Full PDB file with SEQRES, HELIX, SHEET, SSBOND, CRYST1, ORIGX, SCALE, CONECT and MASTER records, all heavy atoms in Angstrom:
SEQRES   1 A   30  PRO ALA GLY LEU GLU TYR THR GLU VAL THR SER LEU GLU          
SEQRES   2 A   30  GLU ASN ILE GLY GLN LEU ASP ILE LEU TYR MET THR ARG          
SEQRES   3 A   30  VAL GLN ARG GLU                                              
HELIX    1 AA1 ILE A   16  GLN A   18  5                                   3    
CRYST1    1.000    1.000    1.000  90.00  90.00  90.00 P 1           1          
ORIGX1      1.000000  0.000000  0.000000        0.00000                         
ORIGX2      0.000000  1.000000  0.000000        0.00000                         
ORIGX3      0.000000  0.000000  1.000000        0.00000                         
SCALE1      1.000000  0.000000  0.000000        0.00000                         
SCALE2      0.000000  1.000000  0.000000        0.00000                         
SCALE3      0.000000  0.000000  1.000000        0.00000                         
ATOM      1  N   PRO A   1     -51.353  77.994  33.977  1.00  0.00           N  
ATOM      2  CA  PRO A   1     -51.513  79.405  34.344  1.00  0.00           C  
ATOM      3  C   PRO A   1     -50.173  80.059  34.574  1.00  0.00           C  
ATOM      4  O   PRO A   1     -50.062  81.311  34.462  1.00  0.00           O  
ATOM      5  CB  PRO A   1     -52.201  79.286  35.732  1.00  0.00           C  
ATOM      6  CG  PRO A   1     -53.034  77.991  35.662  1.00  0.00           C  
ATOM      7  CD  PRO A   1     -52.119  77.008  34.920  1.00  0.00           C  
ATOM      8  N   ALA A   2     -49.078  79.261  34.897  1.00  0.00           N  
ATOM      9  CA  ALA A   2     -47.833  79.820  35.026  1.00  0.00           C  
ATOM     10  C   ALA A   2     -47.104  80.187  33.701  1.00  0.00           C  
ATOM     11  O   ALA A   2     -46.137  80.851  33.608  1.00  0.00           O  
ATOM     12  CB  ALA A   2     -46.934  79.012  35.817  1.00  0.00           C  
ATOM     13  N   GLY A   3     -47.744  79.712  32.589  1.00  0.00           N  
ATOM     14  CA  GLY A   3     -47.163  79.902  31.326  1.00  0.00           C  
ATOM     15  C   GLY A   3     -45.988  79.169  31.000  1.00  0.00           C  
ATOM     16  O   GLY A   3     -45.131  79.494  30.080  1.00  0.00           O  
ATOM     17  N   LEU A   4     -45.828  77.988  31.667  1.00  0.00           N  
ATOM     18  CA  LEU A   4     -44.619  77.090  31.475  1.00  0.00           C  
ATOM     19  C   LEU A   4     -44.862  76.127  30.406  1.00  0.00           C  
ATOM     20  O   LEU A   4     -45.935  75.509  30.262  1.00  0.00           O  
ATOM     21  CB  LEU A   4     -44.177  76.477  32.768  1.00  0.00           C  
ATOM     22  CG  LEU A   4     -43.638  77.526  33.897  1.00  0.00           C  
ATOM     23  CD1 LEU A   4     -43.530  76.750  35.151  1.00  0.00           C  
ATOM     24  CD2 LEU A   4     -42.613  78.356  33.462  1.00  0.00           C  
ATOM     25  N   GLU A   5     -43.706  75.797  29.697  1.00  0.00           N  
ATOM     26  CA  GLU A   5     -43.831  74.661  28.692  1.00  0.00           C  
ATOM     27  C   GLU A   5     -43.796  73.344  29.298  1.00  0.00           C  
ATOM     28  O   GLU A   5     -43.105  73.081  30.241  1.00  0.00           O  
ATOM     29  CB  GLU A   5     -42.592  74.833  27.701  1.00  0.00           C  
ATOM     30  CG  GLU A   5     -42.635  74.036  26.462  1.00  0.00           C  
ATOM     31  CD  GLU A   5     -41.490  74.230  25.599  1.00  0.00           C  
ATOM     32  OE1 GLU A   5     -40.722  75.253  25.767  1.00  0.00           O  
ATOM     33  OE2 GLU A   5     -41.109  73.311  24.834  1.00  0.00           O  
ATOM     34  N   TYR A   6     -44.571  72.291  28.784  1.00  0.00           N  
ATOM     35  CA  TYR A   6     -44.600  71.022  29.159  1.00  0.00           C  
ATOM     36  C   TYR A   6     -44.831  70.011  28.054  1.00  0.00           C  
ATOM     37  O   TYR A   6     -45.545  70.425  27.132  1.00  0.00           O  
ATOM     38  CB  TYR A   6     -45.486  70.799  30.392  1.00  0.00           C  
ATOM     39  CG  TYR A   6     -47.032  70.744  29.921  1.00  0.00           C  
ATOM     40  CD1 TYR A   6     -47.626  69.585  29.641  1.00  0.00           C  
ATOM     41  CD2 TYR A   6     -47.734  71.968  29.763  1.00  0.00           C  
ATOM     42  CE1 TYR A   6     -48.908  69.552  29.237  1.00  0.00           C  
ATOM     43  CE2 TYR A   6     -49.055  71.968  29.322  1.00  0.00           C  
ATOM     44  CZ  TYR A   6     -49.580  70.693  29.129  1.00  0.00           C  
ATOM     45  OH  TYR A   6     -50.975  70.683  28.703  1.00  0.00           O  
ATOM     46  N   THR A   7     -44.381  68.847  28.227  1.00  0.00           N  
ATOM     47  CA  THR A   7     -44.789  67.796  27.323  1.00  0.00           C  
ATOM     48  C   THR A   7     -44.992  66.563  28.171  1.00  0.00           C  
ATOM     49  O   THR A   7     -44.365  66.219  29.171  1.00  0.00           O  
ATOM     50  CB  THR A   7     -43.702  67.449  26.257  1.00  0.00           C  
ATOM     51  OG1 THR A   7     -42.441  67.169  26.974  1.00  0.00           O  
ATOM     52  CG2 THR A   7     -43.383  68.572  25.291  1.00  0.00           C  
ATOM     53  N   GLU A   8     -46.007  65.716  27.764  1.00  0.00           N  
ATOM     54  CA  GLU A   8     -46.337  64.451  28.304  1.00  0.00           C  
ATOM     55  C   GLU A   8     -45.938  63.344  27.375  1.00  0.00           C  
ATOM     56  O   GLU A   8     -46.320  63.247  26.253  1.00  0.00           O  
ATOM     57  CB  GLU A   8     -47.792  64.358  28.641  1.00  0.00           C  
ATOM     58  CG  GLU A   8     -48.298  65.328  29.726  1.00  0.00           C  
ATOM     59  CD  GLU A   8     -49.734  65.099  30.186  1.00  0.00           C  
ATOM     60  OE1 GLU A   8     -50.604  65.679  29.372  1.00  0.00           O  
ATOM     61  OE2 GLU A   8     -50.011  64.413  31.144  1.00  0.00           O  
ATOM     62  N   VAL A   9     -44.961  62.430  27.884  1.00  0.00           N  
ATOM     63  CA  VAL A   9     -44.383  61.401  27.064  1.00  0.00           C  
ATOM     64  C   VAL A   9     -44.347  60.113  27.839  1.00  0.00           C  
ATOM     65  O   VAL A   9     -44.597  60.042  29.041  1.00  0.00           O  
ATOM     66  CB  VAL A   9     -42.967  61.763  26.670  1.00  0.00           C  
ATOM     67  CG1 VAL A   9     -42.979  63.064  25.743  1.00  0.00           C  
ATOM     68  CG2 VAL A   9     -42.028  61.903  27.784  1.00  0.00           C  
ATOM     69  N   THR A  10     -44.081  59.016  27.191  1.00  0.00           N  
ATOM     70  CA  THR A  10     -44.000  57.727  27.804  1.00  0.00           C  
ATOM     71  C   THR A  10     -42.628  57.111  27.754  1.00  0.00           C  
ATOM     72  O   THR A  10     -42.356  56.224  28.530  1.00  0.00           O  
ATOM     73  CB  THR A  10     -44.999  56.719  27.102  1.00  0.00           C  
ATOM     74  OG1 THR A  10     -44.701  56.624  25.697  1.00  0.00           O  
ATOM     75  CG2 THR A  10     -46.446  57.189  27.273  1.00  0.00           C  
ATOM     76  N   SER A  11     -41.720  57.648  26.997  1.00  0.00           N  
ATOM     77  CA  SER A  11     -40.381  57.054  26.890  1.00  0.00           C  
ATOM     78  C   SER A  11     -39.307  57.826  27.514  1.00  0.00           C  
ATOM     79  O   SER A  11     -39.229  59.029  27.270  1.00  0.00           O  
ATOM     80  CB  SER A  11     -40.037  56.887  25.418  1.00  0.00           C  
ATOM     81  OG  SER A  11     -38.611  56.569  25.239  1.00  0.00           O  
ATOM     82  N   LEU A  12     -38.538  57.163  28.453  1.00  0.00           N  
ATOM     83  CA  LEU A  12     -37.442  57.848  29.047  1.00  0.00           C  
ATOM     84  C   LEU A  12     -36.269  57.876  28.200  1.00  0.00           C  
ATOM     85  O   LEU A  12     -35.616  58.938  28.059  1.00  0.00           O  
ATOM     86  CB  LEU A  12     -37.125  57.015  30.433  1.00  0.00           C  
ATOM     87  CG  LEU A  12     -35.773  57.542  31.203  1.00  0.00           C  
ATOM     88  CD1 LEU A  12     -35.907  58.971  31.541  1.00  0.00           C  
ATOM     89  CD2 LEU A  12     -35.537  56.633  32.307  1.00  0.00           C  
ATOM     90  N   GLU A  13     -35.985  56.804  27.454  1.00  0.00           N  
ATOM     91  CA  GLU A  13     -34.862  56.796  26.592  1.00  0.00           C  
ATOM     92  C   GLU A  13     -34.910  57.895  25.477  1.00  0.00           C  
ATOM     93  O   GLU A  13     -33.825  58.493  25.224  1.00  0.00           O  
ATOM     94  CB  GLU A  13     -34.787  55.479  25.791  1.00  0.00           C  
ATOM     95  CG  GLU A  13     -34.411  54.271  26.723  1.00  0.00           C  
ATOM     96  CD  GLU A  13     -35.653  53.533  27.230  1.00  0.00           C  
ATOM     97  OE1 GLU A  13     -36.617  54.256  27.466  1.00  0.00           O  
ATOM     98  OE2 GLU A  13     -35.519  52.352  27.364  1.00  0.00           O  
ATOM     99  N   GLU A  14     -36.109  58.169  24.950  1.00  0.00           N  
ATOM    100  CA  GLU A  14     -36.207  59.178  23.903  1.00  0.00           C  
ATOM    101  C   GLU A  14     -36.094  60.620  24.395  1.00  0.00           C  
ATOM    102  O   GLU A  14     -35.895  61.543  23.577  1.00  0.00           O  
ATOM    103  CB  GLU A  14     -37.399  59.020  23.117  1.00  0.00           C  
ATOM    104  CG  GLU A  14     -37.568  57.729  22.347  1.00  0.00           C  
ATOM    105  CD  GLU A  14     -38.889  57.466  21.728  1.00  0.00           C  
ATOM    106  OE1 GLU A  14     -39.694  58.484  21.700  1.00  0.00           O  
ATOM    107  OE2 GLU A  14     -39.154  56.343  21.276  1.00  0.00           O  
ATOM    108  N   ASN A  15     -36.164  60.827  25.726  1.00  0.00           N  
ATOM    109  CA  ASN A  15     -36.146  62.153  26.214  1.00  0.00           C  
ATOM    110  C   ASN A  15     -35.035  62.440  27.234  1.00  0.00           C  
ATOM    111  O   ASN A  15     -34.887  63.680  27.526  1.00  0.00           O  
ATOM    112  CB  ASN A  15     -37.615  62.364  26.874  1.00  0.00           C  
ATOM    113  CG  ASN A  15     -38.698  62.379  25.916  1.00  0.00           C  
ATOM    114  OD1 ASN A  15     -38.921  63.345  25.238  1.00  0.00           O  
ATOM    115  ND2 ASN A  15     -39.346  61.236  25.750  1.00  0.00           N  
ATOM    116  N   ILE A  16     -34.341  61.527  27.665  1.00  0.00           N  
ATOM    117  CA  ILE A  16     -33.296  61.778  28.621  1.00  0.00           C  
ATOM    118  C   ILE A  16     -32.227  62.779  28.273  1.00  0.00           C  
ATOM    119  O   ILE A  16     -31.704  63.491  29.072  1.00  0.00           O  
ATOM    120  CB  ILE A  16     -32.783  60.496  29.183  1.00  0.00           C  
ATOM    121  CG1 ILE A  16     -31.854  60.685  30.546  1.00  0.00           C  
ATOM    122  CG2 ILE A  16     -31.765  59.738  28.147  1.00  0.00           C  
ATOM    123  CD1 ILE A  16     -31.577  59.418  31.196  1.00  0.00           C  
ATOM    124  N   GLY A  17     -31.864  62.735  26.922  1.00  0.00           N  
ATOM    125  CA  GLY A  17     -30.872  63.580  26.376  1.00  0.00           C  
ATOM    126  C   GLY A  17     -31.061  65.069  26.490  1.00  0.00           C  
ATOM    127  O   GLY A  17     -30.146  65.897  26.388  1.00  0.00           O  
ATOM    128  N   GLN A  18     -32.358  65.487  26.713  1.00  0.00           N  
ATOM    129  CA  GLN A  18     -32.629  66.931  26.724  1.00  0.00           C  
ATOM    130  C   GLN A  18     -32.787  67.498  28.216  1.00  0.00           C  
ATOM    131  O   GLN A  18     -32.993  68.592  28.320  1.00  0.00           O  
ATOM    132  CB  GLN A  18     -33.966  67.152  25.983  1.00  0.00           C  
ATOM    133  CG  GLN A  18     -35.067  66.511  26.609  1.00  0.00           C  
ATOM    134  CD  GLN A  18     -36.450  66.807  25.847  1.00  0.00           C  
ATOM    135  OE1 GLN A  18     -36.935  67.952  25.813  1.00  0.00           O  
ATOM    136  NE2 GLN A  18     -37.203  65.743  25.400  1.00  0.00           N  
ATOM    137  N   LEU A  19     -32.561  66.608  29.179  1.00  0.00           N  
ATOM    138  CA  LEU A  19     -32.855  67.052  30.557  1.00  0.00           C  
ATOM    139  C   LEU A  19     -31.640  67.655  31.220  1.00  0.00           C  
ATOM    140  O   LEU A  19     -30.501  67.188  31.047  1.00  0.00           O  
ATOM    141  CB  LEU A  19     -33.333  65.821  31.302  1.00  0.00           C  
ATOM    142  CG  LEU A  19     -34.534  65.013  30.763  1.00  0.00           C  
ATOM    143  CD1 LEU A  19     -34.925  63.806  31.636  1.00  0.00           C  
ATOM    144  CD2 LEU A  19     -35.693  65.986  30.593  1.00  0.00           C  
ATOM    145  N   ASP A  20     -31.822  68.623  32.009  1.00  0.00           N  
ATOM    146  CA  ASP A  20     -30.897  69.213  32.942  1.00  0.00           C  
ATOM    147  C   ASP A  20     -31.086  68.440  34.308  1.00  0.00           C  
ATOM    148  O   ASP A  20     -29.989  68.272  34.975  1.00  0.00           O  
ATOM    149  CB  ASP A  20     -31.207  70.538  33.209  1.00  0.00           C  
ATOM    150  CG  ASP A  20     -30.987  71.480  31.934  1.00  0.00           C  
ATOM    151  OD1 ASP A  20     -29.864  71.404  31.282  1.00  0.00           O  
ATOM    152  OD2 ASP A  20     -31.923  72.193  31.636  1.00  0.00           O  
ATOM    153  N   ILE A  21     -32.165  68.030  34.656  1.00  0.00           N  
ATOM    154  CA  ILE A  21     -32.516  67.303  35.895  1.00  0.00           C  
ATOM    155  C   ILE A  21     -33.494  66.217  35.617  1.00  0.00           C  
ATOM    156  O   ILE A  21     -34.415  66.379  34.804  1.00  0.00           O  
ATOM    157  CB  ILE A  21     -33.202  68.300  36.917  1.00  0.00           C  
ATOM    158  CG1 ILE A  21     -32.259  69.454  37.241  1.00  0.00           C  
ATOM    159  CG2 ILE A  21     -33.519  67.549  38.260  1.00  0.00           C  
ATOM    160  CD1 ILE A  21     -33.030  70.666  37.850  1.00  0.00           C  
ATOM    161  N   LEU A  22     -33.205  64.982  36.117  1.00  0.00           N  
ATOM    162  CA  LEU A  22     -34.116  63.868  36.000  1.00  0.00           C  
ATOM    163  C   LEU A  22     -34.519  63.479  37.452  1.00  0.00           C  
ATOM    164  O   LEU A  22     -33.765  63.212  38.270  1.00  0.00           O  
ATOM    165  CB  LEU A  22     -33.467  62.755  35.373  1.00  0.00           C  
ATOM    166  CG  LEU A  22     -34.254  61.415  35.384  1.00  0.00           C  
ATOM    167  CD1 LEU A  22     -35.576  61.541  34.705  1.00  0.00           C  
ATOM    168  CD2 LEU A  22     -33.522  60.197  34.793  1.00  0.00           C  
ATOM    169  N   TYR A  23     -35.847  63.651  37.658  1.00  0.00           N  
ATOM    170  CA  TYR A  23     -36.435  63.342  39.015  1.00  0.00           C  
ATOM    171  C   TYR A  23     -37.249  62.017  38.866  1.00  0.00           C  
ATOM    172  O   TYR A  23     -38.228  61.839  38.382  1.00  0.00           O  
ATOM    173  CB  TYR A  23     -37.331  64.456  39.377  1.00  0.00           C  
ATOM    174  CG  TYR A  23     -37.895  64.505  40.874  1.00  0.00           C  
ATOM    175  CD1 TYR A  23     -37.137  65.226  41.723  1.00  0.00           C  
ATOM    176  CD2 TYR A  23     -38.975  63.754  41.278  1.00  0.00           C  
ATOM    177  CE1 TYR A  23     -37.531  65.337  43.073  1.00  0.00           C  
ATOM    178  CE2 TYR A  23     -39.338  63.774  42.601  1.00  0.00           C  
ATOM    179  CZ  TYR A  23     -38.674  64.605  43.565  1.00  0.00           C  
ATOM    180  OH  TYR A  23     -38.991  64.597  44.849  1.00  0.00           O  
ATOM    181  N   MET A  24     -36.512  60.921  39.383  1.00  0.00           N  
ATOM    182  CA  MET A  24     -37.142  59.666  39.383  1.00  0.00           C  
ATOM    183  C   MET A  24     -38.035  59.365  40.535  1.00  0.00           C  
ATOM    184  O   MET A  24     -37.791  59.832  41.635  1.00  0.00           O  
ATOM    185  CB  MET A  24     -36.020  58.581  39.306  1.00  0.00           C  
ATOM    186  CG  MET A  24     -35.168  58.571  38.119  1.00  0.00           C  
ATOM    187  SD  MET A  24     -36.019  58.052  36.669  1.00  0.00           S  
ATOM    188  CE  MET A  24     -36.431  56.378  37.007  1.00  0.00           C  
ATOM    189  N   THR A  25     -39.117  58.584  40.316  1.00  0.00           N  
ATOM    190  CA  THR A  25     -39.978  58.173  41.517  1.00  0.00           C  
ATOM    191  C   THR A  25     -40.276  56.662  41.335  1.00  0.00           C  
ATOM    192  O   THR A  25     -40.246  56.217  40.312  1.00  0.00           O  
ATOM    193  CB  THR A  25     -41.256  58.987  41.449  1.00  0.00           C  
ATOM    194  OG1 THR A  25     -42.110  58.532  40.305  1.00  0.00           O  
ATOM    195  CG2 THR A  25     -41.050  60.440  41.374  1.00  0.00           C  
ATOM    196  N   ARG A  26     -40.617  56.159  42.572  1.00  0.00           N  
ATOM    197  CA  ARG A  26     -40.975  54.785  42.500  1.00  0.00           C  
ATOM    198  C   ARG A  26     -42.525  54.667  42.249  1.00  0.00           C  
ATOM    199  O   ARG A  26     -43.220  55.566  42.529  1.00  0.00           O  
ATOM    200  CB  ARG A  26     -40.602  54.064  43.828  1.00  0.00           C  
ATOM    201  CG  ARG A  26     -41.524  54.501  45.004  1.00  0.00           C  
ATOM    202  CD  ARG A  26     -40.937  53.890  46.266  1.00  0.00           C  
ATOM    203  NE  ARG A  26     -41.675  54.532  47.437  1.00  0.00           N  
ATOM    204  CZ  ARG A  26     -42.748  54.014  47.950  1.00  0.00           C  
ATOM    205  NH1 ARG A  26     -43.330  52.863  47.585  1.00  0.00           N  
ATOM    206  NH2 ARG A  26     -43.381  54.729  48.974  1.00  0.00           N  
ATOM    207  N   VAL A  27     -42.895  53.473  41.706  1.00  0.00           N  
ATOM    208  CA  VAL A  27     -44.338  53.163  41.586  1.00  0.00           C  
ATOM    209  C   VAL A  27     -44.735  52.759  42.929  1.00  0.00           C  
ATOM    210  O   VAL A  27     -44.220  51.669  43.477  1.00  0.00           O  
ATOM    211  CB  VAL A  27     -44.647  52.109  40.456  1.00  0.00           C  
ATOM    212  CG1 VAL A  27     -46.139  51.755  40.499  1.00  0.00           C  
ATOM    213  CG2 VAL A  27     -44.168  52.686  39.148  1.00  0.00           C  
ATOM    214  N   GLN A  28     -45.794  53.437  43.611  1.00  0.00           N  
ATOM    215  CA  GLN A  28     -46.055  53.114  44.894  1.00  0.00           C  
ATOM    216  C   GLN A  28     -47.002  52.114  45.246  1.00  0.00           C  
ATOM    217  O   GLN A  28     -48.235  52.384  44.983  1.00  0.00           O  
ATOM    218  CB  GLN A  28     -46.488  54.508  45.635  1.00  0.00           C  
ATOM    219  CG  GLN A  28     -45.435  55.549  45.457  1.00  0.00           C  
ATOM    220  CD  GLN A  28     -45.998  56.944  45.970  1.00  0.00           C  
ATOM    221  OE1 GLN A  28     -45.903  57.200  47.177  1.00  0.00           O  
ATOM    222  NE2 GLN A  28     -46.536  57.656  45.101  1.00  0.00           N  
ATOM    223  N   ARG A  29     -46.594  50.939  45.650  1.00  0.00           N  
ATOM    224  CA  ARG A  29     -47.550  49.895  45.930  1.00  0.00           C  
ATOM    225  C   ARG A  29     -48.641  50.273  46.797  1.00  0.00           C  
ATOM    226  O   ARG A  29     -49.936  49.862  46.609  1.00  0.00           O  
ATOM    227  CB  ARG A  29     -46.703  48.662  46.510  1.00  0.00           C  
ATOM    228  CG  ARG A  29     -47.625  47.540  46.883  1.00  0.00           C  
ATOM    229  CD  ARG A  29     -46.730  46.353  47.557  1.00  0.00           C  
ATOM    230  NE  ARG A  29     -46.930  45.116  46.774  1.00  0.00           N  
ATOM    231  CZ  ARG A  29     -45.919  44.220  46.549  1.00  0.00           C  
ATOM    232  NH1 ARG A  29     -44.678  44.505  47.001  1.00  0.00           N  
ATOM    233  NH2 ARG A  29     -46.129  43.139  45.828  1.00  0.00           N  
ATOM    234  N   GLU A  30     -48.415  51.062  47.860  1.00  0.00           N  
ATOM    235  CA  GLU A  30     -49.446  51.406  48.867  1.00  0.00           C  
ATOM    236  C   GLU A  30     -50.483  52.277  48.396  1.00  0.00           C  
ATOM    237  O   GLU A  30     -51.564  52.398  49.016  1.00  0.00           O  
ATOM    238  CB  GLU A  30     -48.653  52.052  50.088  1.00  0.00           C  
ATOM    239  CG  GLU A  30     -48.019  53.344  49.927  1.00  0.00           C  
ATOM    240  CD  GLU A  30     -46.718  53.313  49.417  1.00  0.00           C  
ATOM    241  OE1 GLU A  30     -46.228  52.293  48.717  1.00  0.00           O  
ATOM    242  OE2 GLU A  30     -45.874  54.223  49.790  1.00  0.00           O  
TER     243      GLU A  30                                                      
MASTER        0    0    0    1    0    0    0    6  242    1    0    3          
END                                                                             
């Protein structure tokens, strides 16, 4: 609805070079 561009991918290595910001998160056991 905001009209923003997005892509859903599985590889960090293939996409890290295009990023201005990388927001990492942990896989949450709980």
